[in-house]
Amino acid sequence: MKRIYDEAEPSDGKRILVDRLWPRGIRKDAIDVWFKDSAPSDELRSWFHHETRLWPEFERRYIAELDAAPEVVKGLKTLIGDGPATLLYGARDEAHNQAVVLRDYLAR
């Protein structure tokens, strides 16, 4: 995973944007796929608003959303395939964003 604003590298493989909103200033050809259905709901995203004090509850709620959407998770796993693939996100906080939760969720 990496921030969408970081330079693309050949080792990224398939570049998959996992944000619900399109990041400012990014061209469409900067990614391979925009899989916005894998992002947290608008309600959860707005509630969290990148406040680190809410991180544990955000993780719990986002995992619950992923558990409730097995077709979305399966679609993302299919899209990733055998890799390599990079989950892209726009948040400034590299430790507290949905891509971190999603990466760990997919790895289990």
PDB file of N, CA and C in Angstrom:
ATOM      1  N   MET A   1       0.838  -1.176   0.000  1.00  0.00           N
ATOM      2  CA  MET A   1       0.000   0.000   0.000  1.00  0.00           C
ATOM      3  C   MET A   1       0.883   1.240   0.000  1.00  0.00           C
ATOM      4  N   LYS A   2       0.334   2.295  -0.553  1.00  0.00           N
ATOM      5  CA  LYS A   2       1.072   3.555  -0.570  1.00  0.00           C
ATOM      6  C   LYS A   2       0.110   4.696  -0.837  1.00  0.00           C
ATOM      7  N   ARG A   3       0.575   5.860  -0.516  1.00  0.00           N
ATOM      8  CA  ARG A   3      -0.207   7.063  -0.741  1.00  0.00           C
ATOM      9  C   ARG A   3      -0.267   7.348  -2.242  1.00  0.00           C
ATOM     10  N   ILE A   4      -1.416   7.715  -2.731  1.00  0.00           N
ATOM     11  CA  ILE A   4      -1.612   7.978  -4.161  1.00  0.00           C
ATOM     12  C   ILE A   4      -0.690   9.078  -4.662  1.00  0.00           C
ATOM     13  N   TYR A   5      -0.267   9.972  -3.772  1.00  0.00           N
ATOM     14  CA  TYR A   5       0.585  11.089  -4.169  1.00  0.00           C
ATOM     15  C   TYR A   5       2.064  10.697  -4.262  1.00  0.00           C
ATOM     16  N   ASP A   6       2.402   9.482  -3.808  1.00  0.00           N
ATOM     17  CA  ASP A   6       3.772   8.989  -3.959  1.00  0.00           C
ATOM     18  C   ASP A   6       3.985   8.543  -5.398  1.00  0.00           C
ATOM     19  N   GLU A   7       5.203   8.646  -5.845  1.00  0.00           N
ATOM     20  CA  GLU A   7       5.521   8.298  -7.231  1.00  0.00           C
ATOM     21  C   GLU A   7       5.248   6.821  -7.514  1.00  0.00           C
ATOM     22  N   ALA A   8       4.662   6.564  -8.675  1.00  0.00           N
ATOM     23  CA  ALA A   8       4.411   5.189  -9.104  1.00  0.00           C
ATOM     24  C   ALA A   8       5.733   4.511  -9.443  1.00  0.00           C
ATOM     25  N   GLU A   9       5.816   3.228  -9.126  1.00  0.00           N
ATOM     26  CA  GLU A   9       7.002   2.434  -9.425  1.00  0.00           C
ATOM     27  C   GLU A   9       6.575   1.134 -10.105  1.00  0.00           C
ATOM     28  N   PRO A  10       7.433   0.578 -10.940  1.00  0.00           N
ATOM     29  CA  PRO A  10       7.093  -0.693 -11.594  1.00  0.00           C
ATOM     30  C   PRO A  10       6.748  -1.798 -10.593  1.00  0.00           C
ATOM     31  N   SER A  11       7.369  -1.771  -9.422  1.00  0.00           N
ATOM     32  CA  SER A  11       7.112  -2.808  -8.419  1.00  0.00           C
ATOM     33  C   SER A  11       5.718  -2.698  -7.804  1.00  0.00           C
ATOM     34  N   ASP A  12       5.007  -1.595  -8.073  1.00  0.00           N
ATOM     35  CA  ASP A  12       3.644  -1.444  -7.550  1.00  0.00           C
ATOM     36  C   ASP A  12       2.699  -2.502  -8.108  1.00  0.00           C
ATOM     37  N   GLY A  13       2.978  -2.969  -9.301  1.00  0.00           N
ATOM     38  CA  GLY A  13       2.042  -3.889  -9.942  1.00  0.00           C
ATOM     39  C   GLY A  13       0.744  -3.168 -10.249  1.00  0.00           C
ATOM     40  N   LYS A  14      -0.365  -3.851 -10.039  1.00  0.00           N
ATOM     41  CA  LYS A  14      -1.674  -3.249 -10.270  1.00  0.00           C
ATOM     42  C   LYS A  14      -1.927  -2.214  -9.180  1.00  0.00           C
ATOM     43  N   ARG A  15      -2.229  -0.995  -9.595  1.00  0.00           N
ATOM     44  CA  ARG A  15      -2.457   0.107  -8.650  1.00  0.00           C
ATOM     45  C   ARG A  15      -3.957   0.287  -8.453  1.00  0.00           C
ATOM     46  N   ILE A  16      -4.419   0.023  -7.208  1.00  0.00           N
ATOM     47  CA  ILE A  16      -5.852  -0.003  -6.910  1.00  0.00           C
ATOM     48  C   ILE A  16      -6.180   1.072  -5.884  1.00  0.00           C
ATOM     49  N   LEU A  17      -6.952   2.054  -6.293  1.00  0.00           N
ATOM     50  CA  LEU A  17      -7.384   3.112  -5.379  1.00  0.00           C
ATOM     51  C   LEU A  17      -8.543   2.590  -4.538  1.00  0.00           C
ATOM     52  N   VAL A  18      -8.393   2.667  -3.205  1.00  0.00           N
ATOM     53  CA  VAL A  18      -9.414   2.147  -2.293  1.00  0.00           C
ATOM     54  C   VAL A  18     -10.030   3.270  -1.458  1.00  0.00           C
ATOM     55  N   ASP A  19     -10.155   4.445  -2.029  1.00  0.00           N
ATOM     56  CA  ASP A  19     -10.821   5.588  -1.404  1.00  0.00           C
ATOM     57  C   ASP A  19     -12.212   5.745  -2.009  1.00  0.00           C
ATOM     58  N   ARG A  20     -13.138   6.246  -1.220  1.00  0.00           N
ATOM     59  CA  ARG A  20     -14.496   6.500  -1.723  1.00  0.00           C
ATOM     60  C   ARG A  20     -14.525   7.762  -2.587  1.00  0.00           C
ATOM     61  N   LEU A  21     -13.670   8.734  -2.271  1.00  0.00           N
ATOM     62  CA  LEU A  21     -13.620   9.986  -3.027  1.00  0.00           C
ATOM     63  C   LEU A  21     -12.343  10.031  -3.864  1.00  0.00           C
ATOM     64  N   TRP A  22     -12.460  10.633  -5.036  1.00  0.00           N
ATOM     65  CA  TRP A  22     -11.283  10.774  -5.898  1.00  0.00           C
ATOM     66  C   TRP A  22     -10.349  11.817  -5.300  1.00  0.00           C
ATOM     67  N   PRO A  23      -9.044  11.498  -5.175  1.00  0.00           N
ATOM     68  CA  PRO A  23      -8.094  12.453  -4.593  1.00  0.00           C
ATOM     69  C   PRO A  23      -7.842  13.656  -5.512  1.00  0.00           C
ATOM     70  N   ARG A  24      -7.719  14.809  -4.898  1.00  0.00           N
ATOM     71  CA  ARG A  24      -7.497  16.046  -5.662  1.00  0.00           C
ATOM     72  C   ARG A  24      -6.177  15.993  -6.425  1.00  0.00           C
ATOM     73  N   GLY A  25      -6.230  16.497  -7.649  1.00  0.00           N
ATOM     74  CA  GLY A  25      -5.019  16.656  -8.443  1.00  0.00           C
ATOM     75  C   GLY A  25      -4.458  15.375  -9.033  1.00  0.00           C
ATOM     76  N   ILE A  26      -5.179  14.281  -8.951  1.00  0.00           N
ATOM     77  CA  ILE A  26      -4.686  13.004  -9.482  1.00  0.00           C
ATOM     78  C   ILE A  26      -5.383  12.704 -10.806  1.00  0.00           C
ATOM     79  N   ARG A  27      -4.588  12.374 -11.812  1.00  0.00           N
ATOM     80  CA  ARG A  27      -5.131  12.025 -13.128  1.00  0.00           C
ATOM     81  C   ARG A  27      -5.650  10.590 -13.109  1.00  0.00           C
ATOM     82  N   LYS A  28      -6.608  10.313 -13.938  1.00  0.00           N
ATOM     83  CA  LYS A  28      -7.223   8.983 -14.007  1.00  0.00           C
ATOM     84  C   LYS A  28      -6.215   7.905 -14.399  1.00  0.00           C
ATOM     85  N   ASP A  29      -5.199   8.265 -15.163  1.00  0.00           N
ATOM     86  CA  ASP A  29      -4.228   7.256 -15.595  1.00  0.00           C
ATOM     87  C   ASP A  29      -3.178   6.943 -14.525  1.00  0.00           C
ATOM     88  N   ALA A  30      -3.322   7.521 -13.336  1.00  0.00           N
ATOM     89  CA  ALA A  30      -2.382   7.253 -12.243  1.00  0.00           C
ATOM     90  C   ALA A  30      -2.691   5.939 -11.536  1.00  0.00           C
ATOM     91  N   ILE A  31      -3.856   5.375 -11.843  1.00  0.00           N
ATOM     92  CA  ILE A  31      -4.247   4.105 -11.222  1.00  0.00           C
ATOM     93  C   ILE A  31      -4.708   3.137 -12.302  1.00  0.00           C
ATOM     94  N   ASP A  32      -4.803   1.873 -11.921  1.00  0.00           N
ATOM     95  CA  ASP A  32      -5.364   0.876 -12.836  1.00  0.00           C
ATOM     96  C   ASP A  32      -6.852   0.683 -12.587  1.00  0.00           C
ATOM     97  N   VAL A  33      -7.235   0.694 -11.298  1.00  0.00           N
ATOM     98  CA  VAL A  33      -8.630   0.446 -10.936  1.00  0.00           C
ATOM     99  C   VAL A  33      -9.006   1.309  -9.737  1.00  0.00           C
ATOM    100  N   TRP A  34     -10.203   1.874  -9.794  1.00  0.00           N
ATOM    101  CA  TRP A  34     -10.760   2.567  -8.640  1.00  0.00           C
ATOM    102  C   TRP A  34     -11.818   1.653  -8.043  1.00  0.00           C
ATOM    103  N   PHE A  35     -11.508   1.047  -6.911  1.00  0.00           N
ATOM    104  CA  PHE A  35     -12.418   0.093  -6.274  1.00  0.00           C
ATOM    105  C   PHE A  35     -13.037   0.762  -5.048  1.00  0.00           C
ATOM    106  N   LYS A  36     -13.867   1.753  -5.301  1.00  0.00           N
ATOM    107  CA  LYS A  36     -14.408   2.561  -4.209  1.00  0.00           C
ATOM    108  C   LYS A  36     -15.378   1.795  -3.326  1.00  0.00           C
ATOM    109  N   ASP A  37     -15.931   0.677  -3.817  1.00  0.00           N
ATOM    110  CA  ASP A  37     -16.837  -0.110  -2.981  1.00  0.00           C
ATOM    111  C   ASP A  37     -16.127  -0.740  -1.792  1.00  0.00           C
ATOM    112  N   SER A  38     -14.810  -0.852  -1.861  1.00  0.00           N
ATOM    113  CA  SER A  38     -14.056  -1.423  -0.740  1.00  0.00           C
ATOM    114  C   SER A  38     -13.747  -0.380   0.338  1.00  0.00           C
ATOM    115  N   ALA A  39     -14.029   0.880   0.061  1.00  0.00           N
ATOM    116  CA  ALA A  39     -13.759   1.956   1.020  1.00  0.00           C
ATOM    117  C   ALA A  39     -14.841   1.986   2.098  1.00  0.00           C
ATOM    118  N   PRO A  40     -14.549   2.590   3.227  1.00  0.00           N
ATOM    119  CA  PRO A  40     -15.568   2.750   4.265  1.00  0.00           C
ATOM    120  C   PRO A  40     -16.767   3.537   3.728  1.00  0.00           C
ATOM    121  N   SER A  41     -17.926   3.289   4.315  1.00  0.00           N
ATOM    122  CA  SER A  41     -19.130   4.020   3.917  1.00  0.00           C
ATOM    123  C   SER A  41     -18.920   5.518   4.129  1.00  0.00           C
ATOM    124  N   ASP A  42     -19.703   6.305   3.431  1.00  0.00           N
ATOM    125  CA  ASP A  42     -19.623   7.761   3.611  1.00  0.00           C
ATOM    126  C   ASP A  42     -19.875   8.130   5.073  1.00  0.00           C
ATOM    127  N   GLU A  43     -20.829   7.448   5.680  1.00  0.00           N
ATOM    128  CA  GLU A  43     -21.151   7.726   7.081  1.00  0.00           C
ATOM    129  C   GLU A  43     -19.947   7.473   7.985  1.00  0.00           C
ATOM    130  N   LEU A  44     -19.288   6.330   7.823  1.00  0.00           N
ATOM    131  CA  LEU A  44     -18.132   5.996   8.653  1.00  0.00           C
ATOM    132  C   LEU A  44     -16.962   6.925   8.360  1.00  0.00           C
ATOM    133  N   ARG A  45     -16.736   7.192   7.103  1.00  0.00           N
ATOM    134  CA  ARG A  45     -15.640   8.092   6.701  1.00  0.00           C
ATOM    135  C   ARG A  45     -15.829   9.472   7.316  1.00  0.00           C
ATOM    136  N   SER A  46     -17.040   9.995   7.246  1.00  0.00           N
ATOM    137  CA  SER A  46     -17.317  11.323   7.817  1.00  0.00           C
ATOM    138  C   SER A  46     -17.190  11.308   9.338  1.00  0.00           C
ATOM    139  N   TRP A  47     -17.651  10.243   9.968  1.00  0.00           N
ATOM    140  CA  TRP A  47     -17.559  10.137  11.424  1.00  0.00           C
ATOM    141  C   TRP A  47     -16.100  10.123  11.873  1.00  0.00           C
ATOM    142  N   PHE A  48     -15.272   9.321  11.219  1.00  0.00           N
ATOM    143  CA  PHE A  48     -13.861   9.175  11.603  1.00  0.00           C
ATOM    144  C   PHE A  48     -13.083  10.471  11.360  1.00  0.00           C
ATOM    145  N   HIS A  49     -13.211  11.018  10.190  1.00  0.00           N
ATOM    146  CA  HIS A  49     -12.572  12.275   9.803  1.00  0.00           C
ATOM    147  C   HIS A  49     -11.083  12.316  10.195  1.00  0.00           C
ATOM    148  N   HIS A  50     -10.423  11.163  10.121  1.00  0.00           N
ATOM    149  CA  HIS A  50      -8.989  11.019  10.391  1.00  0.00           C
ATOM    150  C   HIS A  50      -8.572  11.512  11.773  1.00  0.00           C
ATOM    151  N   GLU A  51      -9.440  11.311  12.747  1.00  0.00           N
ATOM    152  CA  GLU A  51      -9.105  11.646  14.134  1.00  0.00           C
ATOM    153  C   GLU A  51      -8.535  10.401  14.794  1.00  0.00           C
ATOM    154  N   THR A  52      -7.250  10.410  15.082  1.00  0.00           N
ATOM    155  CA  THR A  52      -6.586   9.198  15.578  1.00  0.00           C
ATOM    156  C   THR A  52      -7.180   8.683  16.883  1.00  0.00           C
ATOM    157  N   ARG A  53      -7.783   9.536  17.684  1.00  0.00           N
ATOM    158  CA  ARG A  53      -8.393   9.057  18.929  1.00  0.00           C
ATOM    159  C   ARG A  53      -9.563   8.115  18.643  1.00  0.00           C
ATOM    160  N   LEU A  54     -10.133   8.194  17.432  1.00  0.00           N
ATOM    161  CA  LEU A  54     -11.254   7.338  17.036  1.00  0.00           C
ATOM    162  C   LEU A  54     -10.797   6.077  16.298  1.00  0.00           C
ATOM    163  N   TRP A  55      -9.498   5.922  16.113  1.00  0.00           N
ATOM    164  CA  TRP A  55      -8.957   4.837  15.302  1.00  0.00           C
ATOM    165  C   TRP A  55      -9.447   3.437  15.723  1.00  0.00           C
ATOM    166  N   PRO A  56      -9.365   3.050  16.987  1.00  0.00           N
ATOM    167  CA  PRO A  56      -9.802   1.684  17.342  1.00  0.00           C
ATOM    168  C   PRO A  56     -11.266   1.418  16.975  1.00  0.00           C
ATOM    169  N   GLU A  57     -12.116   2.398  17.198  1.00  0.00           N
ATOM    170  CA  GLU A  57     -13.535   2.226  16.858  1.00  0.00           C
ATOM    171  C   GLU A  57     -13.725   2.243  15.348  1.00  0.00           C
ATOM    172  N   PHE A  58     -12.969   3.075  14.645  1.00  0.00           N
ATOM    173  CA  PHE A  58     -13.030   3.081  13.181  1.00  0.00           C
ATOM    174  C   PHE A  58     -12.670   1.707  12.632  1.00  0.00           C
ATOM    175  N   GLU A  59     -11.571   1.146  13.129  1.00  0.00           N
ATOM    176  CA  GLU A  59     -11.169  -0.198  12.681  1.00  0.00           C
ATOM    177  C   GLU A  59     -12.297  -1.205  12.893  1.00  0.00           C
ATOM    178  N   ARG A  60     -12.867  -1.204  14.087  1.00  0.00           N
ATOM    179  CA  ARG A  60     -13.932  -2.156  14.407  1.00  0.00           C
ATOM    180  C   ARG A  60     -15.122  -1.993  13.460  1.00  0.00           C
ATOM    181  N   ARG A  61     -15.540  -0.751  13.247  1.00  0.00           N
ATOM    182  CA  ARG A  61     -16.699  -0.500  12.382  1.00  0.00           C
ATOM    183  C   ARG A  61     -16.408  -0.831  10.920  1.00  0.00           C
ATOM    184  N   TYR A  62     -15.211  -0.510  10.470  1.00  0.00           N
ATOM    185  CA  TYR A  62     -14.853  -0.789   9.070  1.00  0.00           C
ATOM    186  C   TYR A  62     -14.768  -2.296   8.835  1.00  0.00           C
ATOM    187  N   ILE A  63     -14.199  -3.026   9.766  1.00  0.00           N
ATOM    188  CA  ILE A  63     -14.151  -4.488   9.650  1.00  0.00           C
ATOM    189  C   ILE A  63     -15.567  -5.053   9.609  1.00  0.00           C
ATOM    190  N   ALA A  64     -16.471  -4.505  10.399  1.00  0.00           N
ATOM    191  CA  ALA A  64     -17.867  -4.942  10.370  1.00  0.00           C
ATOM    192  C   ALA A  64     -18.480  -4.681   8.990  1.00  0.00           C
ATOM    193  N   GLU A  65     -18.160  -3.537   8.395  1.00  0.00           N
ATOM    194  CA  GLU A  65     -18.651  -3.257   7.039  1.00  0.00           C
ATOM    195  C   GLU A  65     -18.089  -4.257   6.033  1.00  0.00           C
ATOM    196  N   LEU A  66     -16.809  -4.578   6.163  1.00  0.00           N
ATOM    197  CA  LEU A  66     -16.200  -5.550   5.246  1.00  0.00           C
ATOM    198  C   LEU A  66     -16.805  -6.939   5.450  1.00  0.00           C
ATOM    199  N   ASP A  67     -17.031  -7.318   6.702  1.00  0.00           N
ATOM    200  CA  ASP A  67     -17.662  -8.613   6.988  1.00  0.00           C
ATOM    201  C   ASP A  67     -19.054  -8.698   6.369  1.00  0.00           C
ATOM    202  N   ALA A  68     -19.753  -7.580   6.318  1.00  0.00           N
ATOM    203  CA  ALA A  68     -21.112  -7.540   5.777  1.00  0.00           C
ATOM    204  C   ALA A  68     -21.150  -7.459   4.248  1.00  0.00           C
ATOM    205  N   ALA A  69     -19.983  -7.361   3.621  1.00  0.00           N
ATOM    206  CA  ALA A  69     -19.910  -7.225   2.159  1.00  0.00           C
ATOM    207  C   ALA A  69     -18.931  -8.241   1.565  1.00  0.00           C
ATOM    208  N   PRO A  70     -19.196  -9.539   1.742  1.00  0.00           N
ATOM    209  CA  PRO A  70     -18.244 -10.541   1.251  1.00  0.00           C
ATOM    210  C   PRO A  70     -18.025 -10.486  -0.265  1.00  0.00           C
ATOM    211  N   GLU A  71     -19.025 -10.029  -1.014  1.00  0.00           N
ATOM    212  CA  GLU A  71     -18.866  -9.937  -2.464  1.00  0.00           C
ATOM    213  C   GLU A  71     -17.855  -8.855  -2.840  1.00  0.00           C
ATOM    214  N   VAL A  72     -17.794  -7.800  -2.064  1.00  0.00           N
ATOM    215  CA  VAL A  72     -16.819  -6.732  -2.302  1.00  0.00           C
ATOM    216  C   VAL A  72     -15.410  -7.244  -2.008  1.00  0.00           C
ATOM    217  N   VAL A  73     -15.262  -7.927  -0.884  1.00  0.00           N
ATOM    218  CA  VAL A  73     -13.952  -8.476  -0.506  1.00  0.00           C
ATOM    219  C   VAL A  73     -13.498  -9.504  -1.543  1.00  0.00           C
ATOM    220  N   LYS A  74     -14.409 -10.356  -1.968  1.00  0.00           N
ATOM    221  CA  LYS A  74     -14.071 -11.359  -2.983  1.00  0.00           C
ATOM    222  C   LYS A  74     -13.665 -10.680  -4.298  1.00  0.00           C
ATOM    223  N   GLY A  75     -14.388  -9.633  -4.667  1.00  0.00           N
ATOM    224  CA  GLY A  75     -14.059  -8.895  -5.888  1.00  0.00           C
ATOM    225  C   GLY A  75     -12.680  -8.273  -5.820  1.00  0.00           C
ATOM    226  N   LEU A  76     -12.334  -7.733  -4.666  1.00  0.00           N
ATOM    227  CA  LEU A  76     -11.007  -7.130  -4.500  1.00  0.00           C
ATOM    228  C   LEU A  76      -9.924  -8.200  -4.547  1.00  0.00           C
ATOM    229  N   LYS A  77     -10.162  -9.322  -3.882  1.00  0.00           N
ATOM    230  CA  LYS A  77      -9.182 -10.418  -3.923  1.00  0.00           C
ATOM    231  C   LYS A  77      -8.987 -10.924  -5.336  1.00  0.00           C
ATOM    232  N   THR A  78     -10.062 -11.021  -6.099  1.00  0.00           N
ATOM    233  CA  THR A  78      -9.970 -11.446  -7.490  1.00  0.00           C
ATOM    234  C   THR A  78      -9.181 -10.426  -8.302  1.00  0.00           C
ATOM    235  N   LEU A  79      -9.460  -9.166  -8.075  1.00  0.00           N
ATOM    236  CA  LEU A  79      -8.761  -8.088  -8.772  1.00  0.00           C
ATOM    237  C   LEU A  79      -7.258  -8.129  -8.492  1.00  0.00           C
ATOM    238  N   ILE A  80      -6.909  -8.358  -7.237  1.00  0.00           N
ATOM    239  CA  ILE A  80      -5.503  -8.448  -6.852  1.00  0.00           C
ATOM    240  C   ILE A  80      -4.865  -9.681  -7.465  1.00  0.00           C
ATOM    241  N   GLY A  81      -5.605 -10.781  -7.479  1.00  0.00           N
ATOM    242  CA  GLY A  81      -5.091 -12.021  -8.056  1.00  0.00           C
ATOM    243  C   GLY A  81      -3.824 -12.464  -7.359  1.00  0.00           C
ATOM    244  N   ASP A  82      -2.846 -12.852  -8.144  1.00  0.00           N
ATOM    245  CA  ASP A  82      -1.570 -13.312  -7.605  1.00  0.00           C
ATOM    246  C   ASP A  82      -0.585 -12.167  -7.401  1.00  0.00           C
ATOM    247  N   GLY A  83      -1.042 -10.949  -7.636  1.00  0.00           N
ATOM    248  CA  GLY A  83      -0.182  -9.787  -7.412  1.00  0.00           C
ATOM    249  C   GLY A  83       0.879  -9.668  -8.476  1.00  0.00           C
ATOM    250  N   PRO A  84       1.776  -8.749  -8.353  1.00  0.00           N
ATOM    251  CA  PRO A  84       1.801  -7.731  -7.302  1.00  0.00           C
ATOM    252  C   PRO A  84       0.695  -6.699  -7.489  1.00  0.00           C
ATOM    253  N   ALA A  85       0.302  -6.110  -6.380  1.00  0.00           N
ATOM    254  CA  ALA A  85      -0.724  -5.067  -6.394  1.00  0.00           C
ATOM    255  C   ALA A  85      -0.443  -4.114  -5.239  1.00  0.00           C
ATOM    256  N   THR A  86      -0.864  -2.878  -5.416  1.00  0.00           N
ATOM    257  CA  THR A  86      -0.682  -1.851  -4.389  1.00  0.00           C
ATOM    258  C   THR A  86      -2.020  -1.192  -4.112  1.00  0.00           C
ATOM    259  N   LEU A  87      -2.403  -1.157  -2.835  1.00  0.00           N
ATOM    260  CA  LEU A  87      -3.599  -0.435  -2.417  1.00  0.00           C
ATOM    261  C   LEU A  87      -3.216   1.026  -2.239  1.00  0.00           C
ATOM    262  N   LEU A  88      -3.917   1.904  -2.924  1.00  0.00           N
ATOM    263  CA  LEU A  88      -3.623   3.334  -2.893  1.00  0.00           C
ATOM    264  C   LEU A  88      -4.667   4.080  -2.078  1.00  0.00           C
ATOM    265  N   TYR A  89      -4.223   5.067  -1.321  1.00  0.00           N
ATOM    266  CA  TYR A  89      -5.103   5.882  -0.493  1.00  0.00           C
ATOM    267  C   TYR A  89      -4.629   7.322  -0.549  1.00  0.00           C
ATOM    268  N   GLY A  90      -5.497   8.251  -0.203  1.00  0.00           N
ATOM    269  CA  GLY A  90      -5.144   9.662  -0.268  1.00  0.00           C
ATOM    270  C   GLY A  90      -4.799  10.294   1.069  1.00  0.00           C
ATOM    271  N   ALA A  91      -5.121   9.649   2.161  1.00  0.00           N
ATOM    272  CA  ALA A  91      -4.929  10.233   3.499  1.00  0.00           C
ATOM    273  C   ALA A  91      -3.468  10.583   3.756  1.00  0.00           C
ATOM    274  N   ARG A  92      -3.264  11.631   4.534  1.00  0.00           N
ATOM    275  CA  ARG A  92      -1.901  12.029   4.903  1.00  0.00           C
ATOM    276  C   ARG A  92      -1.313  11.101   5.960  1.00  0.00           C
ATOM    277  N   ASP A  93      -2.163  10.597   6.827  1.00  0.00           N
ATOM    278  CA  ASP A  93      -1.728   9.734   7.917  1.00  0.00           C
ATOM    279  C   ASP A  93      -1.519   8.317   7.382  1.00  0.00           C
ATOM    280  N   GLU A  94      -0.279   7.894   7.298  1.00  0.00           N
ATOM    281  CA  GLU A  94       0.051   6.595   6.714  1.00  0.00           C
ATOM    282  C   GLU A  94      -0.260   5.426   7.634  1.00  0.00           C
ATOM    283  N   ALA A  95      -0.468   5.697   8.923  1.00  0.00           N
ATOM    284  CA  ALA A  95      -0.730   4.622   9.886  1.00  0.00           C
ATOM    285  C   ALA A  95      -2.202   4.468  10.229  1.00  0.00           C
ATOM    286  N   HIS A  96      -2.995   5.500   9.983  1.00  0.00           N
ATOM    287  CA  HIS A  96      -4.399   5.485  10.381  1.00  0.00           C
ATOM    288  C   HIS A  96      -5.285   5.824   9.184  1.00  0.00           C
ATOM    289  N   ASN A  97      -5.450   4.871   8.295  1.00  0.00           N
ATOM    290  CA  ASN A  97      -6.320   5.052   7.140  1.00  0.00           C
ATOM    291  C   ASN A  97      -6.914   3.705   6.750  1.00  0.00           C
ATOM    292  N   GLN A  98      -7.923   3.742   5.922  1.00  0.00           N
ATOM    293  CA  GLN A  98      -8.648   2.521   5.577  1.00  0.00           C
ATOM    294  C   GLN A  98      -7.787   1.484   4.867  1.00  0.00           C
ATOM    295  N   ALA A  99      -6.771   1.894   4.138  1.00  0.00           N
ATOM    296  CA  ALA A  99      -5.924   0.934   3.430  1.00  0.00           C
ATOM    297  C   ALA A  99      -5.171   0.033   4.405  1.00  0.00           C
ATOM    298  N   VAL A 100      -4.812   0.555   5.567  1.00  0.00           N
ATOM    299  CA  VAL A 100      -4.140  -0.246   6.594  1.00  0.00           C
ATOM    300  C   VAL A 100      -5.074  -1.354   7.066  1.00  0.00           C
ATOM    301  N   VAL A 101      -6.311  -0.989   7.371  1.00  0.00           N
ATOM    302  CA  VAL A 101      -7.293  -1.970   7.828  1.00  0.00           C
ATOM    303  C   VAL A 101      -7.582  -2.970   6.717  1.00  0.00           C
ATOM    304  N   LEU A 102      -7.759  -2.485   5.515  1.00  0.00           N
ATOM    305  CA  LEU A 102      -8.078  -3.350   4.383  1.00  0.00           C
ATOM    306  C   LEU A 102      -6.946  -4.329   4.085  1.00  0.00           C
ATOM    307  N   ARG A 103      -5.714  -3.849   4.097  1.00  0.00           N
ATOM    308  CA  ARG A 103      -4.562  -4.726   3.880  1.00  0.00           C
ATOM    309  C   ARG A 103      -4.531  -5.854   4.910  1.00  0.00           C
ATOM    310  N   ASP A 104      -4.684  -5.499   6.174  1.00  0.00           N
ATOM    311  CA  ASP A 104      -4.666  -6.501   7.234  1.00  0.00           C
ATOM    312  C   ASP A 104      -5.857  -7.453   7.117  1.00  0.00           C
ATOM    313  N   TYR A 105      -6.993  -6.938   6.733  1.00  0.00           N
ATOM    314  CA  TYR A 105      -8.190  -7.761   6.565  1.00  0.00           C
ATOM    315  C   TYR A 105      -7.976  -8.788   5.458  1.00  0.00           C
ATOM    316  N   LEU A 106      -7.414  -8.361   4.359  1.00  0.00           N
ATOM    317  CA  LEU A 106      -7.177  -9.267   3.235  1.00  0.00           C
ATOM    318  C   LEU A 106      -6.122 -10.319   3.549  1.00  0.00           C
ATOM    319  N   ALA A 107      -5.200  -9.981   4.435  1.00  0.00           N
ATOM    320  CA  ALA A 107      -4.094 -10.885   4.772  1.00  0.00           C
ATOM    321  C   ALA A 107      -4.508 -12.009   5.726  1.00  0.00           C
ATOM    322  N   ARG A 108      -5.633 -11.833   6.391  1.00  0.00           N
ATOM    323  CA  ARG A 108      -6.010 -12.868   7.362  1.00  0.00           C
ATOM    324  C   ARG A 108      -6.710 -14.049   6.747  1.00  0.00           C
TER     325      ARG A 108
END
